[in-house]
Structures are given as C-alpha cells and as structure tokens.
Amino acid sequence: MTGSIKFNVFGRIVLVERGVNGWRSYYPGPEGKKRPADFVIPDFVTANELAQYLDDLFHEDARPGHTAVIRLEE
C-alpha cells in the first residue's frame, strides 16, 4: 500500500499507513507535519477493517456532532 488513509475519528484526524513493519498511525498538523499517534494497530487488521478497529478503540471519545469514525477521501 502506498500513501495514507485519512480518518475522522470522533472529530480528530488520524492518518494510517501500512509499512514493512505493519501499520503506522499519525496525527497530522496544520503545517503539513505529522507526529506519531499514541496507539497501535495490530498487523492482522486489514485496510477494510481500519474504521471499525478505530471505532472500537476510541468509542469513548464520541460526543454530539462527532459520533462516528469516517474514512476521508484524499
């Protein structure tokens, strides 16, 4: 997989990339930089399962106006 998959995770933007060592997740900044996210995505999670995995992991962050994990188009 090349590039990254962008998600809105209950109001917070997360980038997920698949590398040779598994999934890597980042929080993008407004200036274009990205910093490593503070969670791990297991290797067995497929690209099609990422949104559900993030929903399961962060469901406690849901609040009015931010009730779902949404895959964003690039």
PDB file of N, CA and C in Angstrom:
ATOM      1  N   MET A   1       0.841  -1.187   0.000  1.00  0.00           N
ATOM      2  CA  MET A   1       0.000   0.000   0.000  1.00  0.00           C
ATOM      3  C   MET A   1       0.881   1.244   0.000  1.00  0.00           C
ATOM      4  N   THR A   2       0.551   2.183  -0.826  1.00  0.00           N
ATOM      5  CA  THR A   2       1.272   3.436  -0.843  1.00  0.00           C
ATOM      6  C   THR A   2       0.343   4.535  -0.388  1.00  0.00           C
ATOM      7  N   GLY A   3       0.918   5.600   0.128  1.00  0.00           N
ATOM      8  CA  GLY A   3       0.105   6.696   0.616  1.00  0.00           C
ATOM      9  C   GLY A   3      -0.475   6.389   1.970  1.00  0.00           C
ATOM     10  N   SER A   4      -1.432   7.179   2.360  1.00  0.00           N
ATOM     11  CA  SER A   4      -2.041   7.011   3.668  1.00  0.00           C
ATOM     12  C   SER A   4      -3.551   7.050   3.558  1.00  0.00           C
ATOM     13  N   ILE A   5      -4.180   6.519   4.571  1.00  0.00           N
ATOM     14  CA  ILE A   5      -5.636   6.562   4.673  1.00  0.00           C
ATOM     15  C   ILE A   5      -5.964   7.539   5.790  1.00  0.00           C
ATOM     16  N   LYS A   6      -6.833   8.486   5.497  1.00  0.00           N
ATOM     17  CA  LYS A   6      -7.185   9.517   6.470  1.00  0.00           C
ATOM     18  C   LYS A   6      -8.565   9.214   7.049  1.00  0.00           C
ATOM     19  N   PHE A   7      -8.659   9.345   8.370  1.00  0.00           N
ATOM     20  CA  PHE A   7      -9.910   9.130   9.076  1.00  0.00           C
ATOM     21  C   PHE A   7     -10.224  10.317   9.968  1.00  0.00           C
ATOM     22  N   ASN A   8     -11.518  10.604  10.102  1.00  0.00           N
ATOM     23  CA  ASN A   8     -12.004  11.490  11.145  1.00  0.00           C
ATOM     24  C   ASN A   8     -12.470  10.567  12.258  1.00  0.00           C
ATOM     25  N   VAL A   9     -11.722  10.550  13.357  1.00  0.00           N
ATOM     26  CA  VAL A   9     -12.014   9.656  14.472  1.00  0.00           C
ATOM     27  C   VAL A   9     -12.664  10.481  15.575  1.00  0.00           C
ATOM     28  N   PHE A  10     -13.984  10.532  15.544  1.00  0.00           N
ATOM     29  CA  PHE A  10     -14.753  11.284  16.536  1.00  0.00           C
ATOM     30  C   PHE A  10     -14.251  12.725  16.668  1.00  0.00           C
ATOM     31  N   GLY A  11     -13.957  13.349  15.512  1.00  0.00           N
ATOM     32  CA  GLY A  11     -13.556  14.746  15.487  1.00  0.00           C
ATOM     33  C   GLY A  11     -12.065  14.989  15.420  1.00  0.00           C
ATOM     34  N   ARG A  12     -11.262  13.950  15.499  1.00  0.00           N
ATOM     35  CA  ARG A  12      -9.806  14.087  15.419  1.00  0.00           C
ATOM     36  C   ARG A  12      -9.313  13.386  14.153  1.00  0.00           C
ATOM     37  N   ILE A  13      -8.469  14.071  13.380  1.00  0.00           N
ATOM     38  CA  ILE A  13      -7.954  13.499  12.138  1.00  0.00           C
ATOM     39  C   ILE A  13      -6.768  12.582  12.448  1.00  0.00           C
ATOM     40  N   VAL A  14      -6.805  11.400  11.849  1.00  0.00           N
ATOM     41  CA  VAL A  14      -5.753  10.404  12.016  1.00  0.00           C
ATOM     42  C   VAL A  14      -5.355   9.904  10.629  1.00  0.00           C
ATOM     43  N   LEU A  15      -4.051   9.791  10.385  1.00  0.00           N
ATOM     44  CA  LEU A  15      -3.526   9.185   9.165  1.00  0.00           C
ATOM     45  C   LEU A  15      -3.005   7.805   9.515  1.00  0.00           C
ATOM     46  N   VAL A  16      -3.304   6.827   8.673  1.00  0.00           N
ATOM     47  CA  VAL A  16      -2.829   5.461   8.885  1.00  0.00           C
ATOM     48  C   VAL A  16      -2.101   5.019   7.620  1.00  0.00           C
ATOM     49  N   GLU A  17      -0.902   4.476   7.811  1.00  0.00           N
ATOM     50  CA  GLU A  17      -0.094   3.996   6.687  1.00  0.00           C
ATOM     51  C   GLU A  17       0.348   2.566   6.946  1.00  0.00           C
ATOM     52  N   ARG A  18       0.425   1.778   5.899  1.00  0.00           N
ATOM     53  CA  ARG A  18       0.925   0.410   6.007  1.00  0.00           C
ATOM     54  C   ARG A  18       2.369   0.409   5.542  1.00  0.00           C
ATOM     55  N   GLY A  19       3.279   0.012   6.405  1.00  0.00           N
ATOM     56  CA  GLY A  19       4.692  -0.060   6.059  1.00  0.00           C
ATOM     57  C   GLY A  19       5.193  -1.482   6.146  1.00  0.00           C
ATOM     58  N   VAL A  20       6.470  -1.669   5.951  1.00  0.00           N
ATOM     59  CA  VAL A  20       7.051  -3.002   6.006  1.00  0.00           C
ATOM     60  C   VAL A  20       6.975  -3.588   7.417  1.00  0.00           C
ATOM     61  N   ASN A  21       6.885  -2.746   8.413  1.00  0.00           N
ATOM     62  CA  ASN A  21       6.796  -3.198   9.800  1.00  0.00           C
ATOM     63  C   ASN A  21       5.383  -3.124  10.354  1.00  0.00           C
ATOM     64  N   GLY A  22       4.381  -3.084   9.490  1.00  0.00           N
ATOM     65  CA  GLY A  22       2.987  -3.044   9.939  1.00  0.00           C
ATOM     66  C   GLY A  22       2.385  -1.649   9.822  1.00  0.00           C
ATOM     67  N   TRP A  23       1.267  -1.462  10.498  1.00  0.00           N
ATOM     68  CA  TRP A  23       0.537  -0.197  10.459  1.00  0.00           C
ATOM     69  C   TRP A  23       1.263   0.855  11.280  1.00  0.00           C
ATOM     70  N   ARG A  24       1.252   2.084  10.776  1.00  0.00           N
ATOM     71  CA  ARG A  24       1.763   3.248  11.500  1.00  0.00           C
ATOM     72  C   ARG A  24       0.641   4.277  11.502  1.00  0.00           C
ATOM     73  N   SER A  25       0.438   4.939  12.623  1.00  0.00           N
ATOM     74  CA  SER A  25      -0.623   5.944  12.718  1.00  0.00           C
ATOM     75  C   SER A  25      -0.026   7.273  13.159  1.00  0.00           C
ATOM     76  N   TYR A  26      -0.614   8.349  12.643  1.00  0.00           N
ATOM     77  CA  TYR A  26      -0.098   9.694  12.882  1.00  0.00           C
ATOM     78  C   TYR A  26      -1.234  10.678  13.093  1.00  0.00           C
ATOM     79  N   TYR A  27      -0.907  11.767  13.800  1.00  0.00           N
ATOM     80  CA  TYR A  27      -1.781  12.924  13.894  1.00  0.00           C
ATOM     81  C   TYR A  27      -1.172  14.010  13.016  1.00  0.00           C
ATOM     82  N   PRO A  28      -1.874  14.453  11.966  1.00  0.00           N
ATOM     83  CA  PRO A  28      -1.323  15.497  11.100  1.00  0.00           C
ATOM     84  C   PRO A  28      -1.481  16.875  11.737  1.00  0.00           C
ATOM     85  N   GLY A  29      -0.494  17.724  11.497  1.00  0.00           N
ATOM     86  CA  GLY A  29      -0.568  19.099  11.971  1.00  0.00           C
ATOM     87  C   GLY A  29      -0.978  20.028  10.843  1.00  0.00           C
ATOM     88  N   PRO A  30      -1.381  21.235  11.163  1.00  0.00           N
ATOM     89  CA  PRO A  30      -1.833  22.177  10.124  1.00  0.00           C
ATOM     90  C   PRO A  30      -0.722  22.611   9.179  1.00  0.00           C
ATOM     91  N   GLU A  31       0.535  22.466   9.599  1.00  0.00           N
ATOM     92  CA  GLU A  31       1.653  22.890   8.765  1.00  0.00           C
ATOM     93  C   GLU A  31       2.155  21.786   7.845  1.00  0.00           C
ATOM     94  N   GLY A  32       1.473  20.627   7.857  1.00  0.00           N
ATOM     95  CA  GLY A  32       1.854  19.525   6.988  1.00  0.00           C
ATOM     96  C   GLY A  32       2.715  18.474   7.655  1.00  0.00           C
ATOM     97  N   LYS A  33       3.186  18.750   8.850  1.00  0.00           N
ATOM     98  CA  LYS A  33       3.976  17.763   9.578  1.00  0.00           C
ATOM     99  C   LYS A  33       3.029  16.756  10.228  1.00  0.00           C
ATOM    100  N   LYS A  34       3.566  15.615  10.606  1.00  0.00           N
ATOM    101  CA  LYS A  34       2.766  14.625  11.301  1.00  0.00           C
ATOM    102  C   LYS A  34       3.568  14.055  12.458  1.00  0.00           C
ATOM    103  N   ARG A  35       2.852  13.744  13.546  1.00  0.00           N
ATOM    104  CA  ARG A  35       3.538  13.156  14.693  1.00  0.00           C
ATOM    105  C   ARG A  35       2.945  11.785  14.968  1.00  0.00           C
ATOM    106  N   PRO A  36       3.748  10.879  15.473  1.00  0.00           N
ATOM    107  CA  PRO A  36       3.243   9.533  15.742  1.00  0.00           C
ATOM    108  C   PRO A  36       2.065   9.570  16.714  1.00  0.00           C
ATOM    109  N   ALA A  37       1.063   8.777  16.418  1.00  0.00           N
ATOM    110  CA  ALA A  37      -0.098   8.665  17.296  1.00  0.00           C
ATOM    111  C   ALA A  37       0.252   7.744  18.461  1.00  0.00           C
ATOM    112  N   ASP A  38      -0.515   7.841  19.514  1.00  0.00           N
ATOM    113  CA  ASP A  38      -0.224   7.113  20.741  1.00  0.00           C
ATOM    114  C   ASP A  38      -1.038   5.826  20.872  1.00  0.00           C
ATOM    115  N   PHE A  39      -1.235   5.140  19.768  1.00  0.00           N
ATOM    116  CA  PHE A  39      -1.931   3.860  19.792  1.00  0.00           C
ATOM    117  C   PHE A  39      -1.349   2.946  18.723  1.00  0.00           C
ATOM    118  N   VAL A  40      -1.608   1.655  18.868  1.00  0.00           N
ATOM    119  CA  VAL A  40      -1.061   0.642  17.973  1.00  0.00           C
ATOM    120  C   VAL A  40      -2.195  -0.043  17.222  1.00  0.00           C
ATOM    121  N   ILE A  41      -1.979  -0.308  15.944  1.00  0.00           N
ATOM    122  CA  ILE A  41      -2.918  -1.083  15.139  1.00  0.00           C
ATOM    123  C   ILE A  41      -2.247  -2.421  14.848  1.00  0.00           C
ATOM    124  N   PRO A  42      -2.835  -3.522  15.287  1.00  0.00           N
ATOM    125  CA  PRO A  42      -2.214  -4.838  15.054  1.00  0.00           C
ATOM    126  C   PRO A  42      -2.101  -5.155  13.561  1.00  0.00           C
ATOM    127  N   ASP A  43      -1.101  -5.954  13.220  1.00  0.00           N
ATOM    128  CA  ASP A  43      -0.864  -6.331  11.826  1.00  0.00           C
ATOM    129  C   ASP A  43      -2.026  -7.074  11.190  1.00  0.00           C
ATOM    130  N   PHE A  44      -2.790  -7.817  11.994  1.00  0.00           N
ATOM    131  CA  PHE A  44      -3.869  -8.631  11.419  1.00  0.00           C
ATOM    132  C   PHE A  44      -5.073  -7.815  10.970  1.00  0.00           C
ATOM    133  N   VAL A  45      -5.151  -6.533  11.337  1.00  0.00           N
ATOM    134  CA  VAL A  45      -6.263  -5.673  10.903  1.00  0.00           C
ATOM    135  C   VAL A  45      -6.043  -5.329   9.431  1.00  0.00           C
ATOM    136  N   THR A  46      -7.056  -5.580   8.614  1.00  0.00           N
ATOM    137  CA  THR A  46      -6.947  -5.264   7.187  1.00  0.00           C
ATOM    138  C   THR A  46      -7.344  -3.804   6.942  1.00  0.00           C
ATOM    139  N   ALA A  47      -7.015  -3.307   5.768  1.00  0.00           N
ATOM    140  CA  ALA A  47      -7.369  -1.926   5.416  1.00  0.00           C
ATOM    141  C   ALA A  47      -8.876  -1.712   5.488  1.00  0.00           C
ATOM    142  N   ASN A  48      -9.650  -2.714   5.099  1.00  0.00           N
ATOM    143  CA  ASN A  48     -11.108  -2.592   5.141  1.00  0.00           C
ATOM    144  C   ASN A  48     -11.657  -2.610   6.557  1.00  0.00           C
ATOM    145  N   GLU A  49     -10.870  -3.075   7.518  1.00  0.00           N
ATOM    146  CA  GLU A  49     -11.313  -3.155   8.912  1.00  0.00           C
ATOM    147  C   GLU A  49     -10.841  -1.982   9.765  1.00  0.00           C
ATOM    148  N   LEU A  50     -10.059  -1.080   9.184  1.00  0.00           N
ATOM    149  CA  LEU A  50      -9.480   0.008   9.974  1.00  0.00           C
ATOM    150  C   LEU A  50     -10.524   0.892  10.646  1.00  0.00           C
ATOM    151  N   ALA A  51     -11.550   1.304   9.929  1.00  0.00           N
ATOM    152  CA  ALA A  51     -12.561   2.190  10.515  1.00  0.00           C
ATOM    153  C   ALA A  51     -13.232   1.523  11.716  1.00  0.00           C
ATOM    154  N   GLN A  52     -13.575   0.255  11.586  1.00  0.00           N
ATOM    155  CA  GLN A  52     -14.206  -0.449  12.704  1.00  0.00           C
ATOM    156  C   GLN A  52     -13.250  -0.592  13.872  1.00  0.00           C
ATOM    157  N   TYR A  53     -11.981  -0.879  13.590  1.00  0.00           N
ATOM    158  CA  TYR A  53     -10.992  -1.003  14.658  1.00  0.00           C
ATOM    159  C   TYR A  53     -10.848   0.328  15.404  1.00  0.00           C
ATOM    160  N   LEU A  54     -10.735   1.437  14.665  1.00  0.00           N
ATOM    161  CA  LEU A  54     -10.616   2.746  15.301  1.00  0.00           C
ATOM    162  C   LEU A  54     -11.865   3.093  16.093  1.00  0.00           C
ATOM    163  N   ASP A  55     -13.026   2.725  15.581  1.00  0.00           N
ATOM    164  CA  ASP A  55     -14.275   2.944  16.312  1.00  0.00           C
ATOM    165  C   ASP A  55     -14.269   2.173  17.623  1.00  0.00           C
ATOM    166  N   ASP A  56     -13.880   0.904  17.574  1.00  0.00           N
ATOM    167  CA  ASP A  56     -13.819   0.085  18.787  1.00  0.00           C
ATOM    168  C   ASP A  56     -12.819   0.649  19.792  1.00  0.00           C
ATOM    169  N   LEU A  57     -11.704   1.143  19.307  1.00  0.00           N
ATOM    170  CA  LEU A  57     -10.642   1.645  20.170  1.00  0.00           C
ATOM    171  C   LEU A  57     -11.007   2.978  20.830  1.00  0.00           C
ATOM    172  N   PHE A  58     -11.672   3.854  20.080  1.00  0.00           N
ATOM    173  CA  PHE A  58     -11.918   5.213  20.560  1.00  0.00           C
ATOM    174  C   PHE A  58     -13.389   5.541  20.803  1.00  0.00           C
ATOM    175  N   HIS A  59     -14.250   4.551  20.913  1.00  0.00           N
ATOM    176  CA  HIS A  59     -15.688   4.827  21.049  1.00  0.00           C
ATOM    177  C   HIS A  59     -16.023   5.721  22.243  1.00  0.00           C
ATOM    178  N   GLU A  60     -15.195   5.725  23.260  1.00  0.00           N
ATOM    179  CA  GLU A  60     -15.462   6.580  24.423  1.00  0.00           C
ATOM    180  C   GLU A  60     -15.237   8.057  24.124  1.00  0.00           C
ATOM    181  N   ASP A  61     -14.605   8.383  23.000  1.00  0.00           N
ATOM    182  CA  ASP A  61     -14.388   9.771  22.598  1.00  0.00           C
ATOM    183  C   ASP A  61     -15.576  10.351  21.832  1.00  0.00           C
ATOM    184  N   ALA A  62     -16.592   9.544  21.565  1.00  0.00           N
ATOM    185  CA  ALA A  62     -17.771  10.027  20.834  1.00  0.00           C
ATOM    186  C   ALA A  62     -18.460  11.125  21.651  1.00  0.00           C
ATOM    187  N   ARG A  63     -18.987  12.125  20.933  1.00  0.00           N
ATOM    188  CA  ARG A  63     -19.711  13.229  21.571  1.00  0.00           C
ATOM    189  C   ARG A  63     -20.663  13.816  20.531  1.00  0.00           C
ATOM    190  N   PRO A  64     -21.606  14.624  20.959  1.00  0.00           N
ATOM    191  CA  PRO A  64     -22.537  15.207  19.989  1.00  0.00           C
ATOM    192  C   PRO A  64     -21.780  15.908  18.865  1.00  0.00           C
ATOM    193  N   GLY A  65     -22.176  15.617  17.652  1.00  0.00           N
ATOM    194  CA  GLY A  65     -21.523  16.179  16.481  1.00  0.00           C
ATOM    195  C   GLY A  65     -20.352  15.347  15.987  1.00  0.00           C
ATOM    196  N   HIS A  66     -19.873  14.438  16.801  1.00  0.00           N
ATOM    197  CA  HIS A  66     -18.751  13.565  16.443  1.00  0.00           C
ATOM    198  C   HIS A  66     -19.090  12.164  16.931  1.00  0.00           C
ATOM    199  N   THR A  67     -19.941  11.496  16.183  1.00  0.00           N
ATOM    200  CA  THR A  67     -20.500  10.225  16.649  1.00  0.00           C
ATOM    201  C   THR A  67     -19.999   9.009  15.890  1.00  0.00           C
ATOM    202  N   ALA A  68     -19.015   9.197  14.994  1.00  0.00           N
ATOM    203  CA  ALA A  68     -18.582   8.064  14.177  1.00  0.00           C
ATOM    204  C   ALA A  68     -17.138   8.244  13.727  1.00  0.00           C
ATOM    205  N   VAL A  69     -16.574   7.148  13.254  1.00  0.00           N
ATOM    206  CA  VAL A  69     -15.280   7.173  12.569  1.00  0.00           C
ATOM    207  C   VAL A  69     -15.595   7.183  11.084  1.00  0.00           C
ATOM    208  N   ILE A  70     -15.053   8.168  10.379  1.00  0.00           N
ATOM    209  CA  ILE A  70     -15.367   8.335   8.965  1.00  0.00           C
ATOM    210  C   ILE A  70     -14.070   8.321   8.158  1.00  0.00           C
ATOM    211  N   ARG A  71     -14.033   7.475   7.152  1.00  0.00           N
ATOM    212  CA  ARG A  71     -12.887   7.479   6.240  1.00  0.00           C
ATOM    213  C   ARG A  71     -13.033   8.687   5.325  1.00  0.00           C
ATOM    214  N   LEU A  72     -11.979   9.493   5.242  1.00  0.00           N
ATOM    215  CA  LEU A  72     -11.991  10.703   4.423  1.00  0.00           C
ATOM    216  C   LEU A  72     -11.298  10.426   3.100  1.00  0.00           C
ATOM    217  N   GLU A  73     -11.821  10.966   2.046  1.00  0.00           N
ATOM    218  CA  GLU A  73     -11.225  10.791   0.724  1.00  0.00           C
ATOM    219  C   GLU A  73     -10.081  11.777   0.563  1.00  0.00           C
ATOM    220  N   GLU A  74      -9.044  11.322  -0.095  1.00  0.00           N
ATOM    221  CA  GLU A  74      -7.870  12.175  -0.361  1.00  0.00           C
ATOM    222  C   GLU A  74      -8.065  12.924  -1.644  1.00  0.00           C
TER     223      GLU A  74
END
